[in-house]
PDB file of N, CA and C in Angstrom:
ATOM      1  N   MET A   1       0.812  -1.197   0.000  1.00  0.00           N
ATOM      2  CA  MET A   1       0.000   0.000   0.000  1.00  0.00           C
ATOM      3  C   MET A   1       0.857   1.264   0.000  1.00  0.00           C
ATOM      4  N   ALA A   2       2.001   1.231   0.633  1.00  0.00           N
ATOM      5  CA  ALA A   2       2.832   2.422   0.723  1.00  0.00           C
ATOM      6  C   ALA A   2       3.374   2.843  -0.636  1.00  0.00           C
ATOM      7  N   ASN A   3       3.501   1.906  -1.567  1.00  0.00           N
ATOM      8  CA  ASN A   3       4.046   2.217  -2.884  1.00  0.00           C
ATOM      9  C   ASN A   3       2.988   2.689  -3.872  1.00  0.00           C
ATOM     10  N   LEU A   4       1.736   2.706  -3.478  1.00  0.00           N
ATOM     11  CA  LEU A   4       0.677   3.125  -4.385  1.00  0.00           C
ATOM     12  C   LEU A   4       0.612   4.645  -4.455  1.00  0.00           C
ATOM     13  N   SER A   5       0.403   5.161  -5.664  1.00  0.00           N
ATOM     14  CA  SER A   5       0.216   6.604  -5.837  1.00  0.00           C
ATOM     15  C   SER A   5      -1.194   6.980  -5.399  1.00  0.00           C
ATOM     16  N   TRP A   6      -1.440   8.265  -5.278  1.00  0.00           N
ATOM     17  CA  TRP A   6      -2.761   8.689  -4.795  1.00  0.00           C
ATOM     18  C   TRP A   6      -3.893   8.280  -5.735  1.00  0.00           C
ATOM     19  N   PRO A   7      -3.710   8.279  -7.072  1.00  0.00           N
ATOM     20  CA  PRO A   7      -4.818   7.795  -7.902  1.00  0.00           C
ATOM     21  C   PRO A   7      -5.096   6.305  -7.688  1.00  0.00           C
ATOM     22  N   GLN A   8      -4.044   5.542  -7.417  1.00  0.00           N
ATOM     23  CA  GLN A   8      -4.241   4.118  -7.163  1.00  0.00           C
ATOM     24  C   GLN A   8      -4.986   3.897  -5.852  1.00  0.00           C
ATOM     25  N   ARG A   9      -4.648   4.672  -4.842  1.00  0.00           N
ATOM     26  CA  ARG A   9      -5.358   4.564  -3.561  1.00  0.00           C
ATOM     27  C   ARG A   9      -6.817   4.992  -3.710  1.00  0.00           C
ATOM     28  N   ALA A  10      -7.043   6.043  -4.475  1.00  0.00           N
ATOM     29  CA  ALA A  10      -8.414   6.491  -4.719  1.00  0.00           C
ATOM     30  C   ALA A  10      -9.200   5.424  -5.479  1.00  0.00           C
ATOM     31  N   ALA A  11      -8.553   4.777  -6.438  1.00  0.00           N
ATOM     32  CA  ALA A  11      -9.213   3.712  -7.197  1.00  0.00           C
ATOM     33  C   ALA A  11      -9.537   2.530  -6.298  1.00  0.00           C
ATOM     34  N   LEU A  12      -8.638   2.200  -5.406  1.00  0.00           N
ATOM     35  CA  LEU A  12      -8.883   1.104  -4.477  1.00  0.00           C
ATOM     36  C   LEU A  12     -10.075   1.423  -3.570  1.00  0.00           C
ATOM     37  N   ALA A  13     -10.134   2.641  -3.079  1.00  0.00           N
ATOM     38  CA  ALA A  13     -11.269   3.051  -2.243  1.00  0.00           C
ATOM     39  C   ALA A  13     -12.569   3.040  -3.051  1.00  0.00           C
ATOM     40  N   LEU A  14     -12.497   3.509  -4.287  1.00  0.00           N
ATOM     41  CA  LEU A  14     -13.676   3.495  -5.158  1.00  0.00           C
ATOM     42  C   LEU A  14     -14.150   2.070  -5.411  1.00  0.00           C
ATOM     43  N   GLY A  15     -13.210   1.163  -5.612  1.00  0.00           N
ATOM     44  CA  GLY A  15     -13.574  -0.235  -5.824  1.00  0.00           C
ATOM     45  C   GLY A  15     -14.280  -0.836  -4.618  1.00  0.00           C
ATOM     46  N   VAL A  16     -13.812  -0.523  -3.429  1.00  0.00           N
ATOM     47  CA  VAL A  16     -14.441  -1.026  -2.209  1.00  0.00           C
ATOM     48  C   VAL A  16     -15.858  -0.454  -2.065  1.00  0.00           C
ATOM     49  N   VAL A  17     -16.020   0.833  -2.361  1.00  0.00           N
ATOM     50  CA  VAL A  17     -17.345   1.454  -2.289  1.00  0.00           C
ATOM     51  C   VAL A  17     -18.296   0.804  -3.299  1.00  0.00           C
ATOM     52  N   LEU A  18     -17.800   0.548  -4.510  1.00  0.00           N
ATOM     53  CA  LEU A  18     -18.644  -0.092  -5.526  1.00  0.00           C
ATOM     54  C   LEU A  18     -19.032  -1.513  -5.125  1.00  0.00           C
ATOM     55  N   LEU A  19     -18.104  -2.245  -4.537  1.00  0.00           N
ATOM     56  CA  LEU A  19     -18.433  -3.595  -4.065  1.00  0.00           C
ATOM     57  C   LEU A  19     -19.519  -3.549  -2.993  1.00  0.00           C
ATOM     58  N   ALA A  20     -19.382  -2.625  -2.050  1.00  0.00           N
ATOM     59  CA  ALA A  20     -20.397  -2.492  -0.998  1.00  0.00           C
ATOM     60  C   ALA A  20     -21.737  -2.068  -1.587  1.00  0.00           C
ATOM     61  N   TRP A  21     -21.708  -1.152  -2.547  1.00  0.00           N
ATOM     62  CA  TRP A  21     -22.926  -0.703  -3.201  1.00  0.00           C
ATOM     63  C   TRP A  21     -23.596  -1.868  -3.929  1.00  0.00           C
ATOM     64  N   GLY A  22     -22.789  -2.720  -4.539  1.00  0.00           N
ATOM     65  CA  GLY A  22     -23.328  -3.892  -5.220  1.00  0.00           C
ATOM     66  C   GLY A  22     -24.014  -4.852  -4.267  1.00  0.00           C
ATOM     67  N   VAL A  23     -23.430  -5.054  -3.104  1.00  0.00           N
ATOM     68  CA  VAL A  23     -24.040  -5.936  -2.104  1.00  0.00           C
ATOM     69  C   VAL A  23     -25.369  -5.347  -1.632  1.00  0.00           C
ATOM     70  N   VAL A  24     -25.402  -4.039  -1.386  1.00  0.00           N
ATOM     71  CA  VAL A  24     -26.643  -3.383  -0.964  1.00  0.00           C
ATOM     72  C   VAL A  24     -27.703  -3.503  -2.061  1.00  0.00           C
ATOM     73  N   ASP A  25     -27.311  -3.330  -3.311  1.00  0.00           N
ATOM     74  CA  ASP A  25     -28.262  -3.483  -4.420  1.00  0.00           C
ATOM     75  C   ASP A  25     -28.834  -4.888  -4.484  1.00  0.00           C
ATOM     76  N   ARG A  26     -27.989  -5.870  -4.295  1.00  0.00           N
ATOM     77  CA  ARG A  26     -28.453  -7.254  -4.356  1.00  0.00           C
ATOM     78  C   ARG A  26     -29.444  -7.536  -3.224  1.00  0.00           C
ATOM     79  N   VAL A  27     -29.154  -7.039  -2.031  1.00  0.00           N
ATOM     80  CA  VAL A  27     -30.052  -7.244  -0.892  1.00  0.00           C
ATOM     81  C   VAL A  27     -31.391  -6.534  -1.136  1.00  0.00           C
ATOM     82  N   ALA A  28     -31.339  -5.367  -1.789  1.00  0.00           N
ATOM     83  CA  ALA A  28     -32.551  -4.596  -2.065  1.00  0.00           C
ATOM     84  C   ALA A  28     -33.346  -5.145  -3.243  1.00  0.00           C
ATOM     85  N   GLY A  29     -32.823  -6.161  -3.915  1.00  0.00           N
ATOM     86  CA  GLY A  29     -33.551  -6.773  -5.021  1.00  0.00           C
ATOM     87  C   GLY A  29     -33.254  -6.189  -6.387  1.00  0.00           C
ATOM     88  N   ARG A  30     -32.268  -5.292  -6.465  1.00  0.00           N
ATOM     89  CA  ARG A  30     -31.875  -4.725  -7.758  1.00  0.00           C
ATOM     90  C   ARG A  30     -30.730  -5.559  -8.320  1.00  0.00           C
ATOM     91  N   THR A  31     -31.082  -6.705  -8.870  1.00  0.00           N
ATOM     92  CA  THR A  31     -30.082  -7.692  -9.266  1.00  0.00           C
ATOM     93  C   THR A  31     -29.145  -7.182 -10.364  1.00  0.00           C
ATOM     94  N   ALA A  32     -29.697  -6.566 -11.397  1.00  0.00           N
ATOM     95  CA  ALA A  32     -28.866  -6.107 -12.515  1.00  0.00           C
ATOM     96  C   ALA A  32     -27.850  -5.059 -12.053  1.00  0.00           C
ATOM     97  N   LEU A  33     -28.321  -4.071 -11.305  1.00  0.00           N
ATOM     98  CA  LEU A  33     -27.404  -3.042 -10.802  1.00  0.00           C
ATOM     99  C   LEU A  33     -26.425  -3.616  -9.793  1.00  0.00           C
ATOM    100  N   GLY A  34     -26.877  -4.540  -8.961  1.00  0.00           N
ATOM    101  CA  GLY A  34     -25.978  -5.158  -7.987  1.00  0.00           C
ATOM    102  C   GLY A  34     -24.838  -5.896  -8.665  1.00  0.00           C
ATOM    103  N   LEU A  35     -25.155  -6.661  -9.676  1.00  0.00           N
ATOM    104  CA  LEU A  35     -24.131  -7.388 -10.422  1.00  0.00           C
ATOM    105  C   LEU A  35     -23.185  -6.417 -11.121  1.00  0.00           C
ATOM    106  N   PHE A  36     -23.742  -5.372 -11.705  1.00  0.00           N
ATOM    107  CA  PHE A  36     -22.929  -4.345 -12.371  1.00  0.00           C
ATOM    108  C   PHE A  36     -21.955  -3.703 -11.396  1.00  0.00           C
ATOM    109  N   HIS A  37     -22.436  -3.325 -10.218  1.00  0.00           N
ATOM    110  CA  HIS A  37     -21.561  -2.663  -9.243  1.00  0.00           C
ATOM    111  C   HIS A  37     -20.500  -3.611  -8.680  1.00  0.00           C
ATOM    112  N   VAL A  38     -20.857  -4.867  -8.465  1.00  0.00           N
ATOM    113  CA  VAL A  38     -19.867  -5.835  -7.963  1.00  0.00           C
ATOM    114  C   VAL A  38     -18.770  -6.057  -9.001  1.00  0.00           C
ATOM    115  N   ILE A  39     -19.158  -6.216 -10.263  1.00  0.00           N
ATOM    116  CA  ILE A  39     -18.163  -6.455 -11.316  1.00  0.00           C
ATOM    117  C   ILE A  39     -17.263  -5.234 -11.498  1.00  0.00           C
ATOM    118  N   THR A  40     -17.849  -4.041 -11.547  1.00  0.00           N
ATOM    119  CA  THR A  40     -17.021  -2.849 -11.729  1.00  0.00           C
ATOM    120  C   THR A  40     -16.149  -2.586 -10.499  1.00  0.00           C
ATOM    121  N   GLY A  41     -16.676  -2.846  -9.319  1.00  0.00           N
ATOM    122  CA  GLY A  41     -15.870  -2.681  -8.110  1.00  0.00           C
ATOM    123  C   GLY A  41     -14.690  -3.628  -8.076  1.00  0.00           C
ATOM    124  N   ALA A  42     -14.921  -4.877  -8.477  1.00  0.00           N
ATOM    125  CA  ALA A  42     -13.824  -5.847  -8.529  1.00  0.00           C
ATOM    126  C   ALA A  42     -12.794  -5.448  -9.578  1.00  0.00           C
ATOM    127  N   ALA A  43     -13.254  -4.941 -10.719  1.00  0.00           N
ATOM    128  CA  ALA A  43     -12.320  -4.528 -11.780  1.00  0.00           C
ATOM    129  C   ALA A  43     -11.462  -3.354 -11.333  1.00  0.00           C
ATOM    130  N   VAL A  44     -12.084  -2.358 -10.714  1.00  0.00           N
ATOM    131  CA  VAL A  44     -11.339  -1.182 -10.256  1.00  0.00           C
ATOM    132  C   VAL A  44     -10.359  -1.569  -9.154  1.00  0.00           C
ATOM    133  N   SER A  45     -10.801  -2.394  -8.209  1.00  0.00           N
ATOM    134  CA  SER A  45      -9.925  -2.809  -7.099  1.00  0.00           C
ATOM    135  C   SER A  45      -8.744  -3.620  -7.593  1.00  0.00           C
ATOM    136  N   THR A  46      -8.986  -4.510  -8.530  1.00  0.00           N
ATOM    137  CA  THR A  46      -7.901  -5.342  -9.063  1.00  0.00           C
ATOM    138  C   THR A  46      -6.906  -4.508  -9.853  1.00  0.00           C
ATOM    139  N   ALA A  47      -7.404  -3.586 -10.654  1.00  0.00           N
ATOM    140  CA  ALA A  47      -6.522  -2.779 -11.501  1.00  0.00           C
ATOM    141  C   ALA A  47      -5.759  -1.718 -10.717  1.00  0.00           C
ATOM    142  N   ALA A  48      -6.176  -1.422  -9.514  1.00  0.00           N
ATOM    143  CA  ALA A  48      -5.567  -0.335  -8.744  1.00  0.00           C
ATOM    144  C   ALA A  48      -4.092  -0.572  -8.435  1.00  0.00           C
ATOM    145  N   PHE A  49      -3.630  -1.786  -8.529  1.00  0.00           N
ATOM    146  CA  PHE A  49      -2.250  -2.082  -8.164  1.00  0.00           C
ATOM    147  C   PHE A  49      -1.269  -1.883  -9.308  1.00  0.00           C
ATOM    148  N   ARG A  50      -1.768  -1.594 -10.504  1.00  0.00           N
ATOM    149  CA  ARG A  50      -0.910  -1.294 -11.656  1.00  0.00           C
ATOM    150  C   ARG A  50      -1.435  -0.024 -12.312  1.00  0.00           C
ATOM    151  N   VAL A  51      -0.570   0.960 -12.469  1.00  0.00           N
ATOM    152  CA  VAL A  51      -0.991   2.260 -12.988  1.00  0.00           C
ATOM    153  C   VAL A  51      -1.548   2.125 -14.403  1.00  0.00           C
ATOM    154  N   ARG A  52      -0.884   1.381 -15.252  1.00  0.00           N
ATOM    155  CA  ARG A  52      -1.363   1.237 -16.640  1.00  0.00           C
ATOM    156  C   ARG A  52      -2.707   0.532 -16.692  1.00  0.00           C
ATOM    157  N   ALA A  53      -2.876  -0.482 -15.871  1.00  0.00           N
ATOM    158  CA  ALA A  53      -4.151  -1.188 -15.838  1.00  0.00           C
ATOM    159  C   ALA A  53      -5.251  -0.260 -15.329  1.00  0.00           C
ATOM    160  N   GLU A  54      -4.952   0.529 -14.315  1.00  0.00           N
ATOM    161  CA  GLU A  54      -5.945   1.461 -13.778  1.00  0.00           C
ATOM    162  C   GLU A  54      -6.306   2.528 -14.804  1.00  0.00           C
ATOM    163  N   ARG A  55      -5.323   2.932 -15.582  1.00  0.00           N
ATOM    164  CA  ARG A  55      -5.595   3.920 -16.634  1.00  0.00           C
ATOM    165  C   ARG A  55      -6.607   3.369 -17.638  1.00  0.00           C
ATOM    166  N   PHE A  56      -6.409   2.145 -18.064  1.00  0.00           N
ATOM    167  CA  PHE A  56      -7.328   1.513 -19.019  1.00  0.00           C
ATOM    168  C   PHE A  56      -8.701   1.296 -18.393  1.00  0.00           C
ATOM    169  N   VAL A  57      -8.727   0.722 -17.198  1.00  0.00           N
ATOM    170  CA  VAL A  57     -10.002   0.430 -16.526  1.00  0.00           C
ATOM    171  C   VAL A  57     -10.754   1.728 -16.226  1.00  0.00           C
ATOM    172  N   GLY A  58     -10.045   2.757 -15.796  1.00  0.00           N
ATOM    173  CA  GLY A  58     -10.694   4.039 -15.517  1.00  0.00           C
ATOM    174  C   GLY A  58     -11.330   4.642 -16.757  1.00  0.00           C
ATOM    175  N   THR A  59     -10.627   4.577 -17.872  1.00  0.00           N
ATOM    176  CA  THR A  59     -11.182   5.096 -19.126  1.00  0.00           C
ATOM    177  C   THR A  59     -12.398   4.295 -19.552  1.00  0.00           C
ATOM    178  N   PHE A  60     -12.265   2.983 -19.529  1.00  0.00           N
ATOM    179  CA  PHE A  60     -13.357   2.108 -19.961  1.00  0.00           C
ATOM    180  C   PHE A  60     -14.578   2.258 -19.059  1.00  0.00           C
ATOM    181  N   LEU A  61     -14.356   2.211 -17.743  1.00  0.00           N
ATOM    182  CA  LEU A  61     -15.487   2.302 -16.823  1.00  0.00           C
ATOM    183  C   LEU A  61     -16.097   3.697 -16.806  1.00  0.00           C
ATOM    184  N   GLY A  62     -15.315   4.715 -17.110  1.00  0.00           N
ATOM    185  CA  GLY A  62     -15.882   6.046 -17.250  1.00  0.00           C
ATOM    186  C   GLY A  62     -16.940   6.063 -18.336  1.00  0.00           C
ATOM    187  N   LEU A  63     -16.611   5.479 -19.465  1.00  0.00           N
ATOM    188  CA  LEU A  63     -17.577   5.389 -20.556  1.00  0.00           C
ATOM    189  C   LEU A  63     -18.775   4.527 -20.166  1.00  0.00           C
ATOM    190  N   VAL A  64     -18.503   3.402 -19.514  1.00  0.00           N
ATOM    191  CA  VAL A  64     -19.584   2.496 -19.118  1.00  0.00           C
ATOM    192  C   VAL A  64     -20.541   3.182 -18.136  1.00  0.00           C
ATOM    193  N   PHE A  65     -20.004   3.860 -17.131  1.00  0.00           N
ATOM    194  CA  PHE A  65     -20.865   4.537 -16.157  1.00  0.00           C
ATOM    195  C   PHE A  65     -21.675   5.655 -16.803  1.00  0.00           C
ATOM    196  N   LEU A  66     -21.093   6.349 -17.763  1.00  0.00           N
ATOM    197  CA  LEU A  66     -21.847   7.397 -18.442  1.00  0.00           C
ATOM    198  C   LEU A  66     -22.969   6.811 -19.292  1.00  0.00           C
ATOM    199  N   VAL A  67     -22.726   5.665 -19.907  1.00  0.00           N
ATOM    200  CA  VAL A  67     -23.782   4.993 -20.675  1.00  0.00           C
ATOM    201  C   VAL A  67     -24.866   4.477 -19.729  1.00  0.00           C
ATOM    202  N   VAL A  68     -24.462   3.889 -18.608  1.00  0.00           N
ATOM    203  CA  VAL A  68     -25.452   3.406 -17.635  1.00  0.00           C
ATOM    204  C   VAL A  68     -26.288   4.575 -17.112  1.00  0.00           C
ATOM    205  N   PHE A  69     -25.651   5.711 -16.873  1.00  0.00           N
ATOM    206  CA  PHE A  69     -26.408   6.892 -16.458  1.00  0.00           C
ATOM    207  C   PHE A  69     -27.426   7.271 -17.526  1.00  0.00           C
ATOM    208  N   ALA A  70     -27.005   7.334 -18.778  1.00  0.00           N
ATOM    209  CA  ALA A  70     -27.901   7.740 -19.866  1.00  0.00           C
ATOM    210  C   ALA A  70     -29.067   6.767 -20.017  1.00  0.00           C
ATOM    211  N   VAL A  71     -28.775   5.471 -19.962  1.00  0.00           N
ATOM    212  CA  VAL A  71     -29.836   4.472 -20.104  1.00  0.00           C
ATOM    213  C   VAL A  71     -30.750   4.482 -18.883  1.00  0.00           C
ATOM    214  N   GLY A  72     -30.165   4.556 -17.700  1.00  0.00           N
ATOM    215  CA  GLY A  72     -30.962   4.551 -16.478  1.00  0.00           C
ATOM    216  C   GLY A  72     -31.847   5.770 -16.358  1.00  0.00           C
ATOM    217  N   ALA A  73     -31.310   6.940 -16.678  1.00  0.00           N
ATOM    218  CA  ALA A  73     -32.103   8.165 -16.596  1.00  0.00           C
ATOM    219  C   ALA A  73     -33.111   8.247 -17.741  1.00  0.00           C
ATOM    220  N   GLY A  74     -32.782   7.625 -18.861  1.00  0.00           N
ATOM    221  CA  GLY A  74     -33.661   7.687 -20.017  1.00  0.00           C
ATOM    222  C   GLY A  74     -34.816   6.710 -19.985  1.00  0.00           C
ATOM    223  N   THR A  75     -34.723   5.674 -19.173  1.00  0.00           N
ATOM    224  CA  THR A  75     -35.800   4.680 -19.071  1.00  0.00           C
ATOM    225  C   THR A  75     -36.188   4.505 -17.606  1.00  0.00           C
ATOM    226  N   PRO A  76     -37.006   5.405 -17.090  1.00  0.00           N
ATOM    227  CA  PRO A  76     -37.426   5.288 -15.689  1.00  0.00           C
ATOM    228  C   PRO A  76     -38.119   3.957 -15.430  1.00  0.00           C
ATOM    229  N   GLY A  77     -37.716   3.303 -14.363  1.00  0.00           N
ATOM    230  CA  GLY A  77     -38.287   2.011 -14.011  1.00  0.00           C
ATOM    231  C   GLY A  77     -37.609   0.847 -14.705  1.00  0.00           C
ATOM    232  N   GLY A  78     -36.636   1.129 -15.567  1.00  0.00           N
ATOM    233  CA  GLY A  78     -35.918   0.070 -16.277  1.00  0.00           C
ATOM    234  C   GLY A  78     -34.909  -0.616 -15.373  1.00  0.00           C
ATOM    235  N   PRO A  79     -34.247  -1.651 -15.884  1.00  0.00           N
ATOM    236  CA  PRO A  79     -33.315  -2.410 -15.051  1.00  0.00           C
ATOM    237  C   PRO A  79     -32.081  -1.617 -14.616  1.00  0.00           C
ATOM    238  N   LEU A  80     -31.711  -0.572 -15.343  1.00  0.00           N
ATOM    239  CA  LEU A  80     -30.543   0.220 -14.969  1.00  0.00           C
ATOM    240  C   LEU A  80     -30.905   1.544 -14.306  1.00  0.00           C
ATOM    241  N   ASP A  81     -32.182   1.759 -14.061  1.00  0.00           N
ATOM    242  CA  ASP A  81     -32.609   2.968 -13.374  1.00  0.00           C
ATOM    243  C   ASP A  81     -32.328   2.820 -11.886  1.00  0.00           C
ATOM    244  N   ALA A  82     -31.478   3.684 -11.366  1.00  0.00           N
ATOM    245  CA  ALA A  82     -31.111   3.624  -9.951  1.00  0.00           C
ATOM    246  C   ALA A  82     -31.777   4.730  -9.149  1.00  0.00           C
ATOM    247  N   GLY A  83     -32.774   5.361  -9.713  1.00  0.00           N
ATOM    248  CA  GLY A  83     -33.413   6.479  -9.032  1.00  0.00           C
ATOM    249  C   GLY A  83     -32.610   7.743  -9.253  1.00  0.00           C
ATOM    250  N   THR A  84     -33.116   8.828  -8.765  1.00  0.00           N
ATOM    251  CA  THR A  84     -32.464  10.122  -8.985  1.00  0.00           C
ATOM    252  C   THR A  84     -31.063  10.162  -8.383  1.00  0.00           C
ATOM    253  N   ILE A  85     -30.943   9.727  -7.144  1.00  0.00           N
ATOM    254  CA  ILE A  85     -29.638   9.770  -6.469  1.00  0.00           C
ATOM    255  C   ILE A  85     -28.670   8.778  -7.111  1.00  0.00           C
ATOM    256  N   GLY A  86     -29.131   7.570  -7.391  1.00  0.00           N
ATOM    257  CA  GLY A  86     -28.274   6.568  -8.005  1.00  0.00           C
ATOM    258  C   GLY A  86     -27.820   6.961  -9.402  1.00  0.00           C
ATOM    259  N   ASN A  87     -28.726   7.539 -10.174  1.00  0.00           N
ATOM    260  CA  ASN A  87     -28.353   7.994 -11.508  1.00  0.00           C
ATOM    261  C   ASN A  87     -27.338   9.129 -11.439  1.00  0.00           C
ATOM    262  N   ALA A  88     -27.530  10.034 -10.489  1.00  0.00           N
ATOM    263  CA  ALA A  88     -26.554  11.115 -10.301  1.00  0.00           C
ATOM    264  C   ALA A  88     -25.205  10.540  -9.875  1.00  0.00           C
ATOM    265  N   ALA A  89     -25.232   9.498  -9.039  1.00  0.00           N
ATOM    266  CA  ALA A  89     -23.984   8.848  -8.627  1.00  0.00           C
ATOM    267  C   ALA A  89     -23.301   8.190  -9.816  1.00  0.00           C
ATOM    268  N   HIS A  90     -24.076   7.585 -10.724  1.00  0.00           N
ATOM    269  CA  HIS A  90     -23.475   6.991 -11.918  1.00  0.00           C
ATOM    270  C   HIS A  90     -22.814   8.061 -12.785  1.00  0.00           C
ATOM    271  N   LEU A  91     -23.450   9.209 -12.909  1.00  0.00           N
ATOM    272  CA  LEU A  91     -22.851  10.312 -13.662  1.00  0.00           C
ATOM    273  C   LEU A  91     -21.544  10.758 -13.017  1.00  0.00           C
ATOM    274  N   ALA A  92     -21.570  10.939 -11.695  1.00  0.00           N
ATOM    275  CA  ALA A  92     -20.358  11.346 -10.975  1.00  0.00           C
ATOM    276  C   ALA A  92     -19.267  10.281 -11.081  1.00  0.00           C
ATOM    277  N   LEU A  93     -19.652   9.007 -10.989  1.00  0.00           N
ATOM    278  CA  LEU A  93     -18.667   7.929 -11.115  1.00  0.00           C
ATOM    279  C   LEU A  93     -18.065   7.872 -12.514  1.00  0.00           C
ATOM    280  N   GLY A  94     -18.847   8.194 -13.522  1.00  0.00           N
ATOM    281  CA  GLY A  94     -18.318   8.235 -14.882  1.00  0.00           C
ATOM    282  C   GLY A  94     -17.216   9.273 -15.003  1.00  0.00           C
ATOM    283  N   PHE A  95     -17.482  10.471 -14.511  1.00  0.00           N
ATOM    284  CA  PHE A  95     -16.470  11.523 -14.573  1.00  0.00           C
ATOM    285  C   PHE A  95     -15.291  11.227 -13.650  1.00  0.00           C
ATOM    286  N   ALA A  96     -15.564  10.652 -12.474  1.00  0.00           N
ATOM    287  CA  ALA A  96     -14.484  10.315 -11.538  1.00  0.00           C
ATOM    288  C   ALA A  96     -13.574   9.240 -12.114  1.00  0.00           C
ATOM    289  N   SER A  97     -14.133   8.276 -12.814  1.00  0.00           N
ATOM    290  CA  SER A  97     -13.318   7.214 -13.419  1.00  0.00           C
ATOM    291  C   SER A  97     -12.393   7.774 -14.492  1.00  0.00           C
ATOM    292  N   VAL A  98     -12.915   8.688 -15.294  1.00  0.00           N
ATOM    293  CA  VAL A  98     -12.077   9.320 -16.318  1.00  0.00           C
ATOM    294  C   VAL A  98     -11.002  10.176 -15.645  1.00  0.00           C
ATOM    295  N   ALA A  99     -11.350  10.857 -14.565  1.00  0.00           N
ATOM    296  CA  ALA A  99     -10.369  11.665 -13.828  1.00  0.00           C
ATOM    297  C   ALA A  99      -9.272  10.786 -13.230  1.00  0.00           C
ATOM    298  N   LEU A 100      -9.636   9.610 -12.723  1.00  0.00           N
ATOM    299  CA  LEU A 100      -8.625   8.687 -12.201  1.00  0.00           C
ATOM    300  C   LEU A 100      -7.690   8.220 -13.311  1.00  0.00           C
ATOM    301  N   ALA A 101      -8.253   7.928 -14.472  1.00  0.00           N
ATOM    302  CA  ALA A 101      -7.422   7.502 -15.600  1.00  0.00           C
ATOM    303  C   ALA A 101      -6.462   8.613 -16.001  1.00  0.00           C
ATOM    304  N   GLU A 102      -6.958   9.828 -16.057  1.00  0.00           N
ATOM    305  CA  GLU A 102      -6.101  10.966 -16.407  1.00  0.00           C
ATOM    306  C   GLU A 102      -5.027  11.187 -15.342  1.00  0.00           C
ATOM    307  N   SER A 103      -5.371  10.989 -14.088  1.00  0.00           N
ATOM    308  CA  SER A 103      -4.401  11.135 -12.997  1.00  0.00           C
ATOM    309  C   SER A 103      -3.309  10.077 -13.096  1.00  0.00           C
ATOM    310  N   CYS A 104      -3.672   8.880 -13.519  1.00  0.00           N
ATOM    311  CA  CYS A 104      -2.669   7.830 -13.707  1.00  0.00           C
ATOM    312  C   CYS A 104      -1.697   8.197 -14.823  1.00  0.00           C
ATOM    313  N   VAL A 105      -2.191   8.816 -15.883  1.00  0.00           N
ATOM    314  CA  VAL A 105      -1.318   9.291 -16.964  1.00  0.00           C
ATOM    315  C   VAL A 105      -0.361  10.333 -16.415  1.00  0.00           C
ATOM    316  N   TRP A 106      -0.885  11.245 -15.624  1.00  0.00           N
ATOM    317  CA  TRP A 106      -0.050  12.289 -15.034  1.00  0.00           C
ATOM    318  C   TRP A 106       1.044  11.678 -14.150  1.00  0.00           C
ATOM    319  N   CYS A 107       0.684  10.673 -13.350  1.00  0.00           N
ATOM    320  CA  CYS A 107       1.672  10.013 -12.482  1.00  0.00           C
ATOM    321  C   CYS A 107       2.738   9.294 -13.301  1.00  0.00           C
ATOM    322  N   GLU A 108       2.327   8.651 -14.393  1.00  0.00           N
ATOM    323  CA  GLU A 108       3.302   7.978 -15.257  1.00  0.00           C
ATOM    324  C   GLU A 108       4.257   8.992 -15.878  1.00  0.00           C
ATOM    325  N   GLN A 109       3.754  10.127 -16.312  1.00  0.00           N
ATOM    326  CA  GLN A 109       4.612  11.150 -16.900  1.00  0.00           C
ATOM    327  C   GLN A 109       5.590  11.701 -15.870  1.00  0.00           C
ATOM    328  N   ARG A 110       5.121  11.937 -14.669  1.00  0.00           N
ATOM    329  CA  ARG A 110       6.006  12.430 -13.600  1.00  0.00           C
ATOM    330  C   ARG A 110       7.096  11.421 -13.268  1.00  0.00           C
ATOM    331  N   ALA A 111       6.737  10.137 -13.251  1.00  0.00           N
ATOM    332  CA  ALA A 111       7.718   9.097 -12.944  1.00  0.00           C
ATOM    333  C   ALA A 111       8.778   9.020 -14.050  1.00  0.00           C
ATOM    334  N   ARG A 112       8.368   9.200 -15.297  1.00  0.00           N
ATOM    335  CA  ARG A 112       9.330   9.167 -16.403  1.00  0.00           C
ATOM    336  C   ARG A 112      10.269  10.356 -16.346  1.00  0.00           C
ATOM    337  N   GLN A 113       9.801  11.502 -15.910  1.00  0.00           N
ATOM    338  CA  GLN A 113      10.636  12.692 -15.816  1.00  0.00           C
ATOM    339  C   GLN A 113      11.697  12.549 -14.737  1.00  0.00           C
ATOM    340  N   ARG A 114      11.411  11.781 -13.707  1.00  0.00           N
ATOM    341  CA  ARG A 114      12.365  11.602 -12.613  1.00  0.00           C
ATOM    342  C   ARG A 114      13.485  10.639 -12.952  1.00  0.00           C
ATOM    343  N   LEU A 115      13.269   9.772 -13.938  1.00  0.00           N
ATOM    344  CA  LEU A 115      14.310   8.802 -14.308  1.00  0.00           C
ATOM    345  C   LEU A 115      15.486   9.531 -14.932  1.00  0.00           C
ATOM    346  N   PRO A 116      16.699   9.097 -14.599  1.00  0.00           N
ATOM    347  CA  PRO A 116      17.883   9.769 -15.163  1.00  0.00           C
ATOM    348  C   PRO A 116      18.077   9.470 -16.622  1.00  0.00           C
TER     349      PRO A 116
END
């Protein structure tokens, strides 16, 4: 953990939150969203230990969360509709995932500049 950069630590925390959110969704009977959150949480948590992997996963999941937001908000009562708060969280997670990916790029560039 001490060797992880701040974007990696943020990604790890995000992955844990998504896993917990997935468990809550499953208990509440929202099976599709629960499965989605568990899978994305596991992907983010696993990728957090490699900057390049986190960069790819952050970019990909940013797009996925933005699509889930669009579909969920566009079809009220549908399988991906998480309600007003959940849909807003999906929008925020989409932008946060892209920000994490961009932060990983920044960390990689800084690390390359430090090499002799």
